[in-house]
Amino acid sequence: MKRINLFTQVLILMLITTSSCQQGLYKKNSTSEAVQEAAQIMKQFRKTSPFLLDEERLALWGILEAYSNSLENTTFIKYMESSEEEAVNMEDTIPMIYFYREAFDKVLHEVKQTKVEAGTTLVWLLYNMGFVVKTPSGCFGIDIDHRLAEQLEPYLDFLFITHNHRDHFSPKLLEAMNNNGKPILSNFYEKDQRYLSTTATNYTIGDFTIHTDISDHLTNPKLPDFVTLFRIDCGEDSGNFSILHCGDSGFNPEHFKNVQGAVSMVVLRWGAPRESNILGSGEGQVETNYAALSHLIELRHKPYPHGQASISKTLEHLPTVKCENTILPFWGEKMTWKDGRLY
């Protein structure tokens, strides 16, 4: 650990040294020294891969956690409620909010511009547990929550929401999707009765086959049937990609029987031991080679242990997750499925 800490210090010094002569990815005209430095850190991070947790990526994760821990959740809440002018000013002066905006711009640009080849699926982590999945025949989002989320609506064909907690959906995106007659699958959004269900259900939308089940909420025993699990099988032209999103479930195999079986990728939370209860070949379990840990740095929450899922604790969990490839993506990162593997 001392070796990683030393590497982190050296990396920070290198990035700060070069920050004055290079530009960031989001606001290229920012005069904030802090954001200029953050832009260089993110530029370096974008060169790493969630599939290779080497010393450089570990060091960068440590820097991101330090930025996160220094941001008061009240500041982020203020940002979410601010006018556009004030929000842009915060994006240009506060590193963690810069990262938040930079990731959205990256995902939006790539979703708009990328044509998906036959036999391929693209998967982006946007923020928190929010994913965008694009195949040759369609594009959907799961638990999309972002200040600018409604800008994704023109490029999404349908939307999934695991549960009615504010960090798992965007009211503006729901309104935009509903106004354009696009399916919204949930257990609470009453404006789309076609896809509203509080029990295990099966749907077909175009080339996509969807299976759901209902789970308790991990952190609140007073919410026994609160979370919908979504398993989406994306069809032959996607390379037979399938994804299971667990939301904030309690990871009890009894609640996974309608979504069980082999799946290309499963979205867990932060790799706590109970999450591996659903990994295996038994009843109510799923077999997968790829598990993504995702519920990190939710900025409405105070830093660990007062709300946020800690990066440091997540890294401690990694070795105990019962999956061959447990990956830790960050906001804006894209993963590609092709020829039966994710990279």
Protein backbone atom coordinates (compact mmCIF):
# COMPACT_ATOMS: atom_id res chain seq x y z
CA MET A 1 0.00 0.00 0.00
CA LYS A 2 2.89 2.38 0.72
CA ARG A 3 4.15 1.79 -2.81
CA ILE A 4 0.77 2.80 -4.27
CA ASN A 5 0.62 5.89 -2.09
CA LEU A 6 4.07 6.99 -3.28
CA PHE A 7 3.06 6.39 -6.89
CA THR A 8 -0.05 8.47 -6.32
CA GLN A 9 2.00 11.39 -5.01
CA VAL A 10 4.36 11.27 -7.97
CA LEU A 11 1.43 11.03 -10.42
CA ILE A 12 -0.30 14.05 -8.90
CA LEU A 13 2.89 16.10 -9.18
CA MET A 14 3.32 15.09 -12.83
CA LEU A 15 -0.27 15.99 -13.67
CA ILE A 16 -0.12 19.33 -11.89
CA THR A 17 3.14 20.17 -13.66
CA THR A 18 1.63 19.59 -17.10
CA SER A 19 -1.82 21.04 -16.39
CA SER A 20 -0.99 24.60 -17.38
CA CYS A 21 -0.18 23.71 -20.99
CA GLN A 22 -2.97 21.25 -21.75
CA GLN A 23 -6.73 21.54 -22.06
CA GLY A 24 -9.51 19.57 -20.45
CA LEU A 25 -12.14 17.49 -22.13
CA TYR A 26 -15.25 19.46 -21.15
CA LYS A 27 -14.74 23.24 -20.77
CA LYS A 28 -11.57 24.05 -22.64
CA ASN A 29 -11.63 27.69 -21.59
CA SER A 30 -11.79 27.11 -17.83
CA THR A 31 -9.45 29.38 -15.91
CA SER A 32 -9.77 27.38 -12.68
CA GLU A 33 -6.46 25.81 -11.76
CA ALA A 34 -8.24 23.10 -9.79
CA VAL A 35 -10.34 22.08 -12.81
CA GLN A 36 -7.34 22.28 -15.15
CA GLU A 37 -5.61 19.78 -12.88
CA ALA A 38 -8.76 17.65 -12.72
CA ALA A 39 -8.96 17.63 -16.51
CA GLN A 40 -5.44 16.22 -16.71
CA ILE A 41 -6.26 13.54 -14.16
CA MET A 42 -9.34 12.51 -16.13
CA LYS A 43 -7.38 12.58 -19.38
CA GLN A 44 -4.94 10.12 -17.82
CA PHE A 45 -7.76 8.03 -16.36
CA ARG A 46 -9.40 7.74 -19.80
CA LYS A 47 -6.25 5.98 -21.01
CA THR A 48 -6.70 3.18 -18.47
CA SER A 49 -9.16 0.27 -18.63
CA PRO A 50 -11.70 -1.10 -16.13
CA PHE A 51 -10.42 -4.54 -17.14
CA LEU A 52 -6.87 -3.83 -15.90
CA LEU A 53 -6.65 -2.69 -12.31
CA ASP A 54 -2.93 -1.91 -12.39
CA GLU A 55 -0.97 0.43 -10.17
CA GLU A 56 -1.69 3.48 -12.31
CA ARG A 57 -5.46 2.95 -12.27
CA LEU A 58 -5.41 2.25 -8.53
CA ALA A 59 -3.56 5.49 -7.95
CA LEU A 60 -6.03 7.43 -10.07
CA TRP A 61 -8.93 5.82 -8.18
CA GLY A 62 -7.32 7.12 -5.00
CA ILE A 63 -7.21 10.64 -6.42
CA LEU A 64 -10.87 10.47 -7.47
CA GLU A 65 -11.85 9.31 -4.01
CA ALA A 66 -9.94 12.19 -2.44
CA TYR A 67 -11.79 14.65 -4.68
CA SER A 68 -15.10 13.00 -3.79
CA ASN A 69 -14.45 13.07 -0.06
CA SER A 70 -13.66 16.79 -0.23
CA LEU A 71 -17.03 17.66 -1.80
CA GLU A 72 -19.90 18.37 0.56
CA ASN A 73 -23.09 16.62 -0.54
CA THR A 74 -24.95 19.89 0.06
CA THR A 75 -22.79 21.49 -2.65
CA PHE A 76 -23.80 18.83 -5.14
CA ILE A 77 -27.47 19.14 -4.20
CA LYS A 78 -27.18 22.89 -4.75
CA TYR A 79 -25.64 22.20 -8.17
CA MET A 80 -28.51 19.91 -9.13
CA GLU A 81 -31.01 22.64 -8.25
CA SER A 82 -29.10 25.55 -9.81
CA SER A 83 -29.77 27.56 -12.94
CA GLU A 84 -27.83 26.58 -16.05
CA GLU A 85 -25.44 29.52 -15.68
CA GLU A 86 -24.67 28.74 -12.06
CA ALA A 87 -24.32 25.02 -12.80
CA VAL A 88 -21.81 25.66 -15.59
CA ASN A 89 -19.80 27.86 -13.23
CA MET A 90 -19.67 25.02 -10.70
CA GLU A 91 -18.62 22.57 -13.42
CA ASP A 92 -15.77 24.94 -14.30
CA THR A 93 -14.52 25.38 -10.73
CA ILE A 94 -15.24 22.19 -8.74
CA PRO A 95 -13.27 19.10 -9.85
CA MET A 96 -15.80 16.43 -8.86
CA ILE A 97 -18.61 18.27 -10.61
CA TYR A 98 -16.34 18.72 -13.62
CA PHE A 99 -15.92 14.91 -13.72
CA TYR A 100 -19.69 14.50 -13.50
CA ARG A 101 -20.29 16.78 -16.50
CA GLU A 102 -17.35 15.50 -18.54
CA ALA A 103 -18.67 11.93 -18.27
CA PHE A 104 -22.12 12.95 -19.48
CA ASP A 105 -20.74 14.81 -22.48
CA LYS A 106 -18.61 11.80 -23.39
CA VAL A 107 -21.48 9.32 -23.16
CA LEU A 108 -23.93 11.57 -25.02
CA HIS A 109 -21.44 12.16 -27.85
CA GLU A 110 -20.58 8.47 -28.21
CA VAL A 111 -24.18 7.26 -28.05
CA LYS A 112 -25.11 9.79 -30.75
CA GLN A 113 -22.17 9.15 -33.05
CA THR A 114 -21.40 5.44 -32.73
CA LYS A 115 -22.93 2.98 -35.17
CA VAL A 116 -22.92 -0.48 -33.62
CA GLU A 117 -21.67 -3.31 -35.82
CA ALA A 118 -23.59 -6.57 -36.16
CA GLY A 119 -22.69 -9.01 -33.39
CA THR A 120 -21.63 -6.20 -31.07
CA THR A 121 -23.06 -4.40 -28.04
CA LEU A 122 -21.79 -1.21 -26.41
CA VAL A 123 -22.30 -0.54 -22.70
CA TRP A 124 -21.63 2.81 -20.99
CA LEU A 125 -21.67 3.56 -17.28
CA LEU A 126 -23.09 7.07 -16.99
CA TYR A 127 -23.29 7.75 -13.25
CA ASN A 128 -24.09 5.79 -10.08
CA MET A 129 -25.94 2.64 -11.31
CA GLY A 130 -27.00 4.23 -14.59
CA PHE A 131 -26.09 2.36 -17.78
CA VAL A 132 -26.77 2.96 -21.46
CA VAL A 133 -26.75 -0.11 -23.72
CA LYS A 134 -26.70 0.14 -27.52
CA THR A 135 -27.02 -2.72 -30.01
CA PRO A 136 -27.46 -2.70 -33.81
CA SER A 137 -31.24 -2.66 -33.37
CA GLY A 138 -31.87 -0.52 -30.31
CA CYS A 139 -30.68 1.56 -27.38
CA PHE A 140 -31.94 1.61 -23.79
CA GLY A 141 -31.05 3.01 -20.39
CA ILE A 142 -31.20 1.53 -16.91
CA ASP A 143 -31.41 3.68 -13.75
CA ILE A 144 -30.39 6.84 -15.60
CA ASP A 145 -29.94 9.73 -13.17
CA HIS A 146 -28.14 12.89 -14.25
CA ARG A 147 -28.79 16.62 -14.21
CA LEU A 148 -28.86 16.55 -18.03
CA ALA A 149 -30.41 13.11 -18.48
CA GLU A 150 -33.29 14.32 -20.68
CA GLN A 151 -30.75 15.08 -23.43
CA LEU A 152 -30.40 11.33 -23.91
CA GLU A 153 -34.09 10.86 -24.74
CA PRO A 154 -33.79 11.19 -28.55
CA TYR A 155 -31.34 8.28 -28.57
CA LEU A 156 -33.12 5.91 -26.16
CA ASP A 157 -35.82 3.51 -27.37
CA PHE A 158 -36.92 2.46 -23.88
CA LEU A 159 -35.97 2.91 -20.24
CA PHE A 160 -35.76 0.75 -17.11
CA ILE A 161 -36.01 1.96 -13.50
CA THR A 162 -35.27 -0.51 -10.72
CA HIS A 163 -36.96 1.43 -7.91
CA ASN A 164 -38.42 4.69 -6.71
CA HIS A 165 -35.36 6.29 -5.14
CA ARG A 166 -34.24 9.58 -6.59
CA ASP A 167 -30.66 8.50 -7.35
CA HIS A 168 -31.99 5.89 -9.81
CA PHE A 169 -34.06 7.99 -12.20
CA SER A 170 -34.49 11.46 -13.68
CA PRO A 171 -37.99 13.00 -13.62
CA LYS A 172 -37.16 15.12 -16.68
CA LEU A 173 -36.04 12.08 -18.64
CA LEU A 174 -39.20 10.18 -17.64
CA GLU A 175 -41.34 13.09 -18.83
CA ALA A 176 -39.48 13.31 -22.14
CA MET A 177 -39.71 9.56 -22.76
CA ASN A 178 -43.41 9.45 -21.86
CA ASN A 179 -44.24 12.48 -24.01
CA ASN A 180 -42.76 10.66 -27.00
CA GLY A 181 -44.55 7.38 -26.28
CA LYS A 182 -41.39 5.48 -25.41
CA PRO A 183 -41.69 2.53 -22.99
CA ILE A 184 -40.75 3.08 -19.34
CA LEU A 185 -40.51 -0.16 -17.38
CA SER A 186 -40.83 0.19 -13.62
CA ASN A 187 -42.80 -0.82 -10.55
CA PHE A 188 -44.03 2.71 -9.74
CA TYR A 189 -44.29 5.01 -12.79
CA GLU A 190 -48.04 5.11 -13.30
CA LYS A 191 -48.01 7.19 -16.48
CA ASP A 192 -46.90 4.14 -18.46
CA GLN A 193 -49.37 1.45 -17.46
CA ARG A 194 -48.23 -0.82 -20.31
CA TYR A 195 -44.99 -1.62 -18.52
CA LEU A 196 -45.90 -1.05 -14.88
CA SER A 197 -45.64 -4.21 -12.77
CA THR A 198 -45.04 -5.07 -9.13
CA THR A 199 -44.69 -8.81 -9.81
CA ALA A 200 -42.35 -10.98 -11.86
CA THR A 201 -43.15 -10.25 -15.51
CA ASN A 202 -41.90 -10.96 -19.05
CA TYR A 203 -41.93 -8.53 -21.98
CA THR A 204 -40.80 -8.35 -25.57
CA ILE A 205 -39.83 -5.03 -27.15
CA GLY A 206 -38.55 -5.40 -30.69
CA ASP A 207 -35.58 -7.76 -30.63
CA PHE A 208 -35.27 -7.47 -26.85
CA THR A 209 -36.65 -10.01 -24.38
CA ILE A 210 -37.07 -8.79 -20.82
CA HIS A 211 -37.56 -10.79 -17.64
CA THR A 212 -38.18 -9.15 -14.27
CA ASP A 213 -38.41 -10.18 -10.66
CA ILE A 214 -39.14 -8.29 -7.45
CA SER A 215 -36.72 -7.95 -4.55
CA ASP A 216 -36.38 -6.34 -1.17
CA HIS A 217 -34.24 -3.21 -0.76
CA LEU A 218 -30.74 -3.87 0.49
CA THR A 219 -30.52 -1.12 3.11
CA ASN A 220 -34.14 -0.79 4.23
CA PRO A 221 -35.96 -3.81 5.70
CA LYS A 222 -39.20 -1.80 5.61
CA LEU A 223 -39.18 -2.05 1.80
CA PRO A 224 -39.66 -5.79 1.14
CA ASP A 225 -40.97 -5.63 -2.47
CA PHE A 226 -39.41 -2.41 -3.65
CA VAL A 227 -36.79 -3.22 -6.29
CA THR A 228 -37.37 -4.62 -9.78
CA LEU A 229 -34.58 -6.78 -11.18
CA PHE A 230 -34.22 -6.48 -14.94
CA ARG A 231 -32.71 -9.12 -17.18
CA ILE A 232 -32.52 -7.98 -20.81
CA ASP A 233 -31.61 -10.44 -23.58
CA CYS A 234 -30.64 -8.27 -26.53
CA GLY A 235 -31.05 -10.65 -29.47
CA GLU A 236 -28.89 -12.28 -32.09
CA ASP A 237 -27.64 -9.10 -33.75
CA SER A 238 -26.16 -7.98 -30.41
CA GLY A 239 -23.91 -11.02 -30.28
CA ASN A 240 -26.51 -12.55 -27.94
CA PHE A 241 -25.57 -10.08 -25.22
CA SER A 242 -27.60 -10.14 -22.02
CA ILE A 243 -27.44 -7.98 -18.91
CA LEU A 244 -28.91 -8.36 -15.43
CA HIS A 245 -29.24 -5.15 -13.43
CA CYS A 246 -29.79 -5.77 -9.73
CA GLY A 247 -30.45 -2.23 -8.55
CA ASP A 248 -30.35 -1.90 -4.76
CA SER A 249 -31.69 -5.41 -4.23
CA GLY A 250 -31.07 -7.58 -1.19
CA PHE A 251 -29.37 -10.30 -3.31
CA ASN A 252 -31.52 -13.14 -2.05
CA PRO A 253 -31.69 -15.96 -4.65
CA GLU A 254 -35.35 -16.50 -3.73
CA HIS A 255 -36.07 -13.21 -5.50
CA PHE A 256 -34.06 -14.00 -8.64
CA LYS A 257 -35.86 -17.08 -9.97
CA ASN A 258 -37.43 -15.32 -12.96
CA VAL A 259 -34.07 -13.81 -14.01
CA GLN A 260 -31.79 -16.75 -13.24
CA GLY A 261 -29.41 -18.54 -15.59
CA ALA A 262 -26.42 -17.65 -17.72
CA VAL A 263 -26.00 -13.94 -18.47
CA SER A 264 -23.27 -11.96 -20.24
CA MET A 265 -22.94 -9.25 -17.58
CA VAL A 266 -24.41 -8.63 -14.15
CA VAL A 267 -24.52 -5.21 -12.47
CA LEU A 268 -23.91 -5.47 -8.73
CA ARG A 269 -23.51 -2.64 -6.20
CA TRP A 270 -20.07 -2.51 -4.54
CA GLY A 271 -19.19 -6.17 -4.18
CA ALA A 272 -20.20 -6.74 -0.55
CA PRO A 273 -20.17 -10.44 0.42
CA ARG A 274 -23.96 -10.87 0.24
CA GLU A 275 -23.94 -9.84 -3.44
CA SER A 276 -22.20 -13.11 -4.34
CA ASN A 277 -25.24 -15.01 -3.04
CA ILE A 278 -26.76 -14.75 -6.52
CA LEU A 279 -23.63 -15.91 -8.38
CA GLY A 280 -23.58 -19.61 -9.21
CA SER A 281 -25.52 -22.35 -10.96
CA GLY A 282 -28.21 -23.05 -8.36
CA GLU A 283 -31.85 -21.99 -8.25
CA GLY A 284 -32.18 -18.22 -8.23
CA GLN A 285 -28.55 -17.74 -9.24
CA VAL A 286 -26.83 -16.39 -12.34
CA GLU A 287 -23.71 -17.59 -14.11
CA THR A 288 -21.56 -14.86 -15.64
CA ASN A 289 -17.98 -14.06 -16.54
CA TYR A 290 -18.43 -10.32 -15.97
CA ALA A 291 -19.68 -8.52 -12.86
CA ALA A 292 -19.64 -4.71 -12.78
CA LEU A 293 -19.50 -2.90 -9.44
CA SER A 294 -21.30 0.37 -9.88
CA HIS A 295 -22.93 2.12 -6.91
CA LEU A 296 -19.96 4.37 -6.17
CA ILE A 297 -19.62 8.08 -5.35
CA GLU A 298 -23.32 8.94 -5.39
CA LEU A 299 -22.76 12.61 -4.69
CA ARG A 300 -26.10 13.28 -3.00
CA HIS A 301 -24.85 11.04 -0.19
CA LYS A 302 -22.20 11.97 2.34
CA PRO A 303 -18.86 10.15 2.03
CA TYR A 304 -18.45 6.68 3.51
CA PRO A 305 -19.51 5.53 6.06
CA HIS A 306 -22.39 8.03 6.06
CA GLY A 307 -23.95 7.14 2.72
CA GLN A 308 -21.59 6.73 -0.23
CA ALA A 309 -20.18 3.37 -1.23
CA SER A 310 -16.46 3.86 -0.68
CA ILE A 311 -13.94 3.14 -3.44
CA SER A 312 -11.48 1.89 -0.83
CA LYS A 313 -14.03 -0.54 0.63
CA THR A 314 -15.05 -1.63 -2.87
CA LEU A 315 -11.44 -2.47 -3.66
CA GLU A 316 -11.36 -4.54 -0.47
CA HIS A 317 -14.45 -6.42 -1.69
CA LEU A 318 -13.05 -7.24 -5.13
CA PRO A 319 -11.18 -10.46 -4.25
CA THR A 320 -14.25 -12.02 -2.65
CA VAL A 321 -16.71 -11.46 -5.53
CA LYS A 322 -17.40 -14.90 -7.02
CA CYS A 323 -16.87 -13.91 -10.63
CA GLU A 324 -13.94 -14.49 -12.96
CA ASN A 325 -13.90 -10.87 -14.17
CA THR A 326 -15.07 -8.33 -11.61
CA ILE A 327 -14.72 -4.86 -13.07
CA LEU A 328 -14.85 -1.41 -11.57
CA PRO A 329 -15.84 1.10 -14.27
CA PHE A 330 -16.11 4.83 -13.70
CA TRP A 331 -18.45 7.45 -15.10
CA GLY A 332 -18.29 7.72 -18.86
CA GLU A 333 -16.41 4.50 -19.54
CA LYS A 334 -17.49 2.33 -22.46
CA MET A 335 -17.33 -1.47 -22.60
CA THR A 336 -17.71 -3.51 -25.78
CA TRP A 337 -19.23 -6.98 -26.13
CA LYS A 338 -18.09 -9.00 -29.13
CA ASP A 339 -17.38 -12.67 -29.86
CA GLY A 340 -18.62 -13.71 -26.45
CA ARG A 341 -16.35 -11.44 -24.42
CA LEU A 342 -16.44 -7.98 -22.88
CA TYR A 343 -13.52 -5.62 -23.29
